[in-house]
Amino acid sequence: MSEHFTHKPVLLEECIQGLNIRPEGIYLDGTLGRAGHSREIARRLTTGRLICVDRDQAALDAAQERLADWMDRVTLIHSNFDRVGEIVQRLGLSGVDGMLFDLGVSSPQLDDGSRGFSYMADAPLDMRMDRDEGLTAADVVNTWSQEELRRILYQYGEERCAPQIAAAIVRRREDKPIETTLELVEVIKSAMPAKALREKQHPAKRSFQAIRIAVNDELASVERMLQHAVPKLNPGGRLAVITFHSLEDRIVKNSLSEFAKGCICPPDFPVCVCGRKPQVRLVNRKPTLPSEQELQENPRARSAKLRVAEKL
């Protein structure tokens, strides 16, 4: 069995349960990746349809083989998941019965050293999930102001040494541009105190996460995706979102809570004048976390959280 068929997607059973799949329904997997979730959705459809979206052409190419048995009910779309509203419209659909978004960076991207996501392999500083996009990690590192670098390292990477690292990057690039991942790792390490270098996780991990989020505009994409996804769900349709860090989870939690809120009139109003009705019901108040068994089998699932909402 080849490697990619043994790959187990995160929170798979929980997602399938959360989506509440009907064999004749229309579903959308907004983050196709290795097609692990898509395979399980497609397998459960008879007359239904599955729309698979990814911004990485490599994922769509690989899906031809991975989803070969079900291609009669699958539509592959090269796009960013935050365009979900237009995608559904473009396909001439009034709505869909379920949507899944797995916000983890897909392992092949991280594992393909040449893409520049990894702080372990030397490669040009790229980090674009969609190689047709313009902005690269090299642009961020070499042209963004010290203040902006400090902000993203602190905000997106929750990096305590953000001011020191931003200053070190700016000093180094005055001599010559920082061009590769390992050059950047060296600059990051040079700015950190000895104690931070001895921590269990790699010293560059948080900074690389921050730069990746900035390059791919990830947090704003999540926000846009939620705003467009909810209106495109059919009544009773489910939205399932898996996040991997606190910043994304907060956005998903807050947006879904907003959609679940009804009247927002002040409590002392005798009758409702805002006319606001809840659009979704939260299927679980607290996020679903991976089981002990899953964590043993797949350490990458450690920080995963699943939230599910149902359209009213």
Protein backbone atom coordinates (compact mmCIF):
# COMPACT_ATOMS: atom_id res chain seq x y z
CA MET A 1 0.00 0.00 0.00
CA SER A 2 1.57 3.31 -0.95
CA GLU A 3 2.37 5.88 1.72
CA HIS A 4 -0.43 8.30 0.95
CA PHE A 5 -3.19 5.73 1.35
CA THR A 6 -1.98 4.87 4.84
CA HIS A 7 -1.98 8.56 5.81
CA LYS A 8 -4.66 9.06 8.45
CA PRO A 9 -6.37 12.43 8.40
CA VAL A 10 -6.87 14.20 11.72
CA LEU A 11 -10.14 13.63 13.65
CA LEU A 12 -11.49 11.58 10.75
CA GLU A 13 -14.30 9.68 12.53
CA GLU A 14 -15.34 12.82 14.39
CA CYS A 15 -15.53 14.84 11.14
CA ILE A 16 -17.60 12.23 9.35
CA GLN A 17 -19.95 12.04 12.33
CA GLY A 18 -20.09 15.84 12.57
CA LEU A 19 -20.98 16.25 8.88
CA ASN A 20 -23.88 13.81 9.24
CA ILE A 21 -23.48 12.69 5.60
CA ARG A 22 -26.49 11.81 3.44
CA PRO A 23 -25.74 9.61 0.39
CA GLU A 24 -27.57 12.01 -1.95
CA GLY A 25 -26.20 15.22 -0.44
CA ILE A 26 -23.78 17.80 -1.84
CA TYR A 27 -20.59 18.30 0.19
CA LEU A 28 -17.54 20.52 -0.07
CA ASP A 29 -14.06 19.77 1.25
CA GLY A 30 -12.41 23.18 1.23
CA THR A 31 -8.95 21.87 2.08
CA LEU A 32 -8.41 18.76 -0.03
CA GLY A 33 -4.75 18.17 0.94
CA ARG A 34 -4.00 14.45 0.81
CA ALA A 35 -7.68 13.70 0.20
CA GLY A 36 -7.98 11.62 3.38
CA HIS A 37 -11.21 13.27 4.52
CA SER A 38 -12.47 13.49 0.92
CA ARG A 39 -12.09 9.73 0.38
CA GLU A 40 -14.30 9.00 3.37
CA ILE A 41 -16.95 11.52 2.30
CA ALA A 42 -16.95 10.34 -1.35
CA ARG A 43 -17.26 6.68 -0.28
CA ARG A 44 -20.51 7.44 1.51
CA LEU A 45 -22.18 9.14 -1.46
CA THR A 46 -24.45 7.44 -4.01
CA THR A 47 -26.16 10.10 -6.09
CA GLY A 48 -24.51 12.89 -4.11
CA ARG A 49 -21.60 15.07 -5.10
CA LEU A 50 -18.32 16.15 -3.50
CA ILE A 51 -16.56 19.40 -4.40
CA CYS A 52 -12.84 19.34 -3.50
CA VAL A 53 -11.02 22.67 -3.26
CA ASP A 54 -7.29 23.32 -2.80
CA ARG A 55 -5.01 26.25 -3.54
CA ASP A 56 -2.10 23.88 -4.18
CA GLN A 57 -2.21 22.41 -7.69
CA ALA A 58 -0.05 19.48 -6.53
CA ALA A 59 -2.86 18.34 -4.19
CA LEU A 60 -5.40 18.42 -7.04
CA ASP A 61 -3.08 16.45 -9.34
CA ALA A 62 -2.54 13.77 -6.69
CA ALA A 63 -6.30 13.55 -6.02
CA GLN A 64 -6.89 12.15 -9.50
CA GLU A 65 -5.28 8.94 -8.29
CA ARG A 66 -6.36 9.04 -4.65
CA LEU A 67 -10.01 9.56 -5.49
CA ALA A 68 -9.94 7.51 -8.72
CA ASP A 69 -12.72 5.13 -7.57
CA TRP A 70 -15.15 7.97 -6.96
CA MET A 71 -14.30 10.54 -9.64
CA ASP A 72 -17.82 10.19 -11.10
CA ARG A 73 -19.10 12.14 -8.08
CA VAL A 74 -16.13 14.45 -7.45
CA THR A 75 -15.42 17.94 -8.81
CA LEU A 76 -11.87 19.31 -8.33
CA ILE A 77 -11.43 23.09 -8.03
CA HIS A 78 -8.16 25.06 -7.89
CA SER A 79 -8.97 27.97 -5.60
CA ASN A 80 -8.57 29.32 -2.08
CA PHE A 81 -11.17 28.14 0.44
CA ASP A 82 -12.04 31.73 1.32
CA ARG A 83 -13.74 31.97 -2.11
CA VAL A 84 -16.21 29.27 -1.11
CA GLY A 85 -19.19 31.56 -1.80
CA GLU A 86 -18.17 32.16 -5.43
CA ILE A 87 -17.25 28.50 -5.93
CA VAL A 88 -20.73 27.29 -4.92
CA GLN A 89 -22.32 29.98 -7.08
CA ARG A 90 -20.09 29.23 -10.09
CA LEU A 91 -21.18 25.58 -9.96
CA GLY A 92 -24.79 26.74 -10.20
CA LEU A 93 -25.71 25.45 -6.74
CA SER A 94 -28.06 27.28 -4.39
CA GLY A 95 -26.36 25.68 -1.38
CA VAL A 96 -24.57 22.58 -0.05
CA ASP A 97 -25.35 20.05 2.70
CA GLY A 98 -22.01 20.10 4.44
CA MET A 99 -18.58 21.72 4.36
CA LEU A 100 -15.30 20.65 5.91
CA PHE A 101 -12.22 22.81 6.40
CA ASP A 102 -9.04 21.30 7.85
CA LEU A 103 -6.81 24.30 8.51
CA GLY A 104 -3.60 22.32 9.08
CA VAL A 105 -0.84 22.76 6.52
CA SER A 106 -0.85 19.51 4.59
CA SER A 107 2.08 17.25 5.43
CA PRO A 108 3.36 16.94 1.83
CA GLN A 109 3.89 20.69 1.72
CA LEU A 110 5.81 20.65 4.98
CA ASP A 111 7.72 17.53 4.01
CA ASP A 112 8.69 18.77 0.55
CA GLY A 113 11.88 20.57 1.56
CA SER A 114 11.99 22.61 -1.65
CA ARG A 115 8.79 24.51 -0.74
CA GLY A 116 10.57 26.43 2.02
CA PHE A 117 8.12 25.62 4.85
CA SER A 118 10.64 23.60 6.84
CA TYR A 119 13.30 24.90 9.19
CA MET A 120 15.07 21.53 8.91
CA ALA A 121 15.83 21.51 5.15
CA ASP A 122 17.71 24.17 3.22
CA ALA A 123 15.61 25.73 0.47
CA PRO A 124 14.74 29.11 -1.03
CA LEU A 125 12.47 31.12 1.28
CA ASP A 126 9.12 30.53 -0.41
CA MET A 127 6.30 29.15 1.84
CA ARG A 128 3.52 29.84 -0.68
CA MET A 129 0.69 27.31 -0.52
CA ASP A 130 -0.42 28.48 -3.96
CA ARG A 131 2.60 28.99 -6.18
CA ASP A 132 0.62 31.29 -8.46
CA GLU A 133 0.45 33.89 -5.67
CA GLY A 134 3.03 36.69 -5.66
CA LEU A 135 4.22 37.20 -2.08
CA THR A 136 6.97 34.85 -0.82
CA ALA A 137 8.66 34.41 2.56
CA ALA A 138 11.77 36.06 1.07
CA ASP A 139 9.69 39.19 0.35
CA VAL A 140 8.39 39.29 3.92
CA VAL A 141 11.80 38.72 5.50
CA ASN A 142 13.71 41.14 3.26
CA THR A 143 11.27 44.00 2.68
CA TRP A 144 8.85 44.27 5.60
CA SER A 145 9.69 46.88 8.25
CA GLN A 146 11.20 45.88 11.58
CA GLU A 147 7.98 46.90 13.34
CA GLU A 148 5.83 44.79 11.00
CA LEU A 149 8.15 41.78 11.42
CA ARG A 150 8.01 42.16 15.20
CA ARG A 151 4.21 42.32 15.04
CA ILE A 152 3.74 39.16 12.97
CA LEU A 153 6.31 37.17 14.98
CA TYR A 154 4.58 38.13 18.20
CA GLN A 155 0.99 37.92 16.99
CA TYR A 156 1.08 34.93 14.64
CA GLY A 157 3.97 33.03 16.20
CA GLU A 158 3.40 33.99 19.84
CA GLU A 159 7.19 34.37 19.85
CA ARG A 160 8.51 36.00 23.04
CA CYS A 161 11.79 37.01 21.40
CA ALA A 162 9.99 38.81 18.55
CA PRO A 163 11.68 42.23 19.05
CA GLN A 164 15.18 40.69 19.12
CA ILE A 165 14.53 38.44 16.10
CA ALA A 166 13.02 41.28 14.03
CA ALA A 167 16.04 43.47 14.81
CA ALA A 168 18.46 40.66 13.89
CA ILE A 169 16.71 40.07 10.56
CA VAL A 170 16.90 43.75 9.66
CA ARG A 171 20.61 43.94 10.65
CA ARG A 172 21.49 40.87 8.59
CA ARG A 173 19.61 41.93 5.45
CA GLU A 174 21.44 45.27 5.40
CA ASP A 175 24.56 43.30 4.38
CA LYS A 176 22.79 41.03 1.92
CA PRO A 177 19.29 39.57 1.46
CA ILE A 178 18.36 36.47 3.48
CA GLU A 179 17.64 33.92 0.76
CA THR A 180 17.31 30.44 2.26
CA THR A 181 15.51 28.74 5.13
CA LEU A 182 18.68 27.74 6.97
CA GLU A 183 20.13 31.27 6.68
CA LEU A 184 16.96 32.49 8.37
CA VAL A 185 17.21 29.79 11.07
CA GLU A 186 20.74 30.96 11.84
CA VAL A 187 19.61 34.61 12.16
CA ILE A 188 16.72 33.59 14.44
CA LYS A 189 18.98 31.50 16.68
CA SER A 190 21.55 34.31 16.90
CA ALA A 191 18.88 36.59 18.38
CA MET A 192 17.64 34.22 21.08
CA PRO A 193 18.95 33.84 24.63
CA ALA A 194 20.63 30.53 25.54
CA LYS A 195 17.64 29.46 27.64
CA ALA A 196 15.26 29.73 24.67
CA LEU A 197 17.63 27.68 22.50
CA ARG A 198 17.47 24.82 25.01
CA GLU A 199 13.66 24.49 24.83
CA LYS A 200 12.20 21.23 23.57
CA GLN A 201 10.80 22.66 20.33
CA HIS A 202 12.98 23.96 17.52
CA PRO A 203 13.96 27.62 18.13
CA ALA A 204 12.72 28.66 14.66
CA LYS A 205 9.36 26.89 14.84
CA ARG A 206 7.27 29.85 16.01
CA SER A 207 8.92 32.34 13.65
CA PHE A 208 8.43 30.06 10.64
CA GLN A 209 4.77 29.61 11.58
CA ALA A 210 4.35 33.39 11.79
CA ILE A 211 5.96 34.04 8.41
CA ARG A 212 3.93 31.24 6.77
CA ILE A 213 0.69 32.72 8.13
CA ALA A 214 1.68 36.16 6.80
CA VAL A 215 2.70 34.86 3.34
CA ASN A 216 -0.57 32.96 2.89
CA ASP A 217 -2.79 35.53 4.63
CA GLU A 218 -4.12 32.57 6.63
CA LEU A 219 -6.02 34.25 9.46
CA ALA A 220 -7.88 36.70 7.22
CA SER A 221 -8.68 33.77 4.90
CA VAL A 222 -10.30 31.86 7.77
CA GLU A 223 -12.39 34.90 8.68
CA ARG A 224 -13.52 35.35 5.04
CA MET A 225 -14.21 31.64 4.61
CA LEU A 226 -16.59 31.57 7.60
CA GLN A 227 -18.46 34.67 6.42
CA HIS A 228 -19.03 33.07 2.98
CA ALA A 229 -19.56 29.46 4.07
CA VAL A 230 -22.47 29.83 6.49
CA PRO A 231 -24.82 31.57 4.00
CA LYS A 232 -24.14 28.79 1.43
CA LEU A 233 -25.26 25.95 3.70
CA ASN A 234 -28.69 24.41 3.14
CA PRO A 235 -30.94 24.25 6.23
CA GLY A 236 -29.74 21.31 8.35
CA GLY A 237 -26.35 21.45 6.58
CA ARG A 238 -23.25 21.12 8.75
CA LEU A 239 -20.02 23.11 8.84
CA ALA A 240 -16.99 21.34 10.37
CA VAL A 241 -13.72 23.21 10.95
CA ILE A 242 -10.46 21.76 12.30
CA THR A 243 -7.95 24.28 13.65
CA PHE A 244 -4.38 23.74 14.84
CA HIS A 245 -3.53 26.82 16.83
CA SER A 246 -5.19 29.14 19.27
CA LEU A 247 -5.37 32.13 16.90
CA GLU A 248 -7.39 30.21 14.31
CA ASP A 249 -9.53 28.49 16.90
CA ARG A 250 -10.43 31.86 18.43
CA ILE A 251 -11.56 33.19 15.02
CA VAL A 252 -13.70 30.09 14.36
CA LYS A 253 -15.17 30.08 17.85
CA ASN A 254 -16.06 33.80 17.78
CA SER A 255 -17.49 33.75 14.24
CA LEU A 256 -19.68 30.71 14.89
CA SER A 257 -20.89 32.24 18.19
CA GLU A 258 -21.86 35.38 16.26
CA PHE A 259 -23.81 33.33 13.71
CA ALA A 260 -25.51 31.44 16.56
CA LYS A 261 -26.64 34.64 18.26
CA GLY A 262 -30.24 35.80 17.95
CA CYS A 263 -31.60 39.16 19.09
CA ILE A 264 -28.95 41.72 20.08
CA CYS A 265 -31.34 44.39 21.39
CA PRO A 266 -30.53 45.85 24.82
CA PRO A 267 -32.11 43.72 27.59
CA ASP A 268 -34.41 46.59 28.66
CA PHE A 269 -36.20 46.78 25.27
CA PRO A 270 -39.78 45.49 25.70
CA VAL A 271 -39.79 43.92 22.20
CA CYS A 272 -37.10 42.95 19.70
CA VAL A 273 -36.47 45.64 17.09
CA CYS A 274 -33.26 44.25 15.57
CA GLY A 275 -35.06 41.27 14.04
CA ARG A 276 -31.85 39.29 14.16
CA LYS A 277 -32.31 35.51 14.04
CA PRO A 278 -29.65 32.89 14.78
CA GLN A 279 -28.31 31.35 11.56
CA VAL A 280 -26.65 28.29 13.08
CA ARG A 281 -26.83 26.03 16.10
CA LEU A 282 -23.53 24.98 17.70
CA VAL A 283 -23.48 21.19 17.60
CA ASN A 284 -20.97 21.05 20.45
CA ARG A 285 -20.31 23.90 22.89
CA LYS A 286 -16.73 22.78 23.44
CA PRO A 287 -14.42 21.73 20.62
CA THR A 288 -13.85 18.00 19.98
CA LEU A 289 -10.25 16.94 20.65
CA PRO A 290 -8.30 13.92 19.35
CA SER A 291 -8.53 10.71 21.41
CA GLU A 292 -5.56 9.29 23.31
CA GLN A 293 -5.28 6.56 20.68
CA GLU A 294 -5.16 9.07 17.82
CA LEU A 295 -2.44 11.05 19.58
CA GLN A 296 -0.33 7.92 19.89
CA GLU A 297 -0.79 7.08 16.22
CA ASN A 298 -0.41 10.63 14.91
CA PRO A 299 1.50 13.15 17.08
CA ARG A 300 0.71 15.88 14.49
CA ALA A 301 -2.89 15.81 15.74
CA ARG A 302 -1.82 17.13 19.13
CA SER A 303 -3.19 20.66 18.87
CA ALA A 304 -6.19 19.86 16.65
CA LYS A 305 -9.67 21.09 17.62
CA LEU A 306 -12.90 20.42 15.74
CA ARG A 307 -15.91 22.73 15.89
CA VAL A 308 -19.22 21.91 14.19
CA ALA A 309 -22.27 24.10 13.52
CA GLU A 310 -25.61 23.27 11.89
CA LYS A 311 -27.50 25.69 9.65
CA LEU A 312 -30.97 26.55 10.96
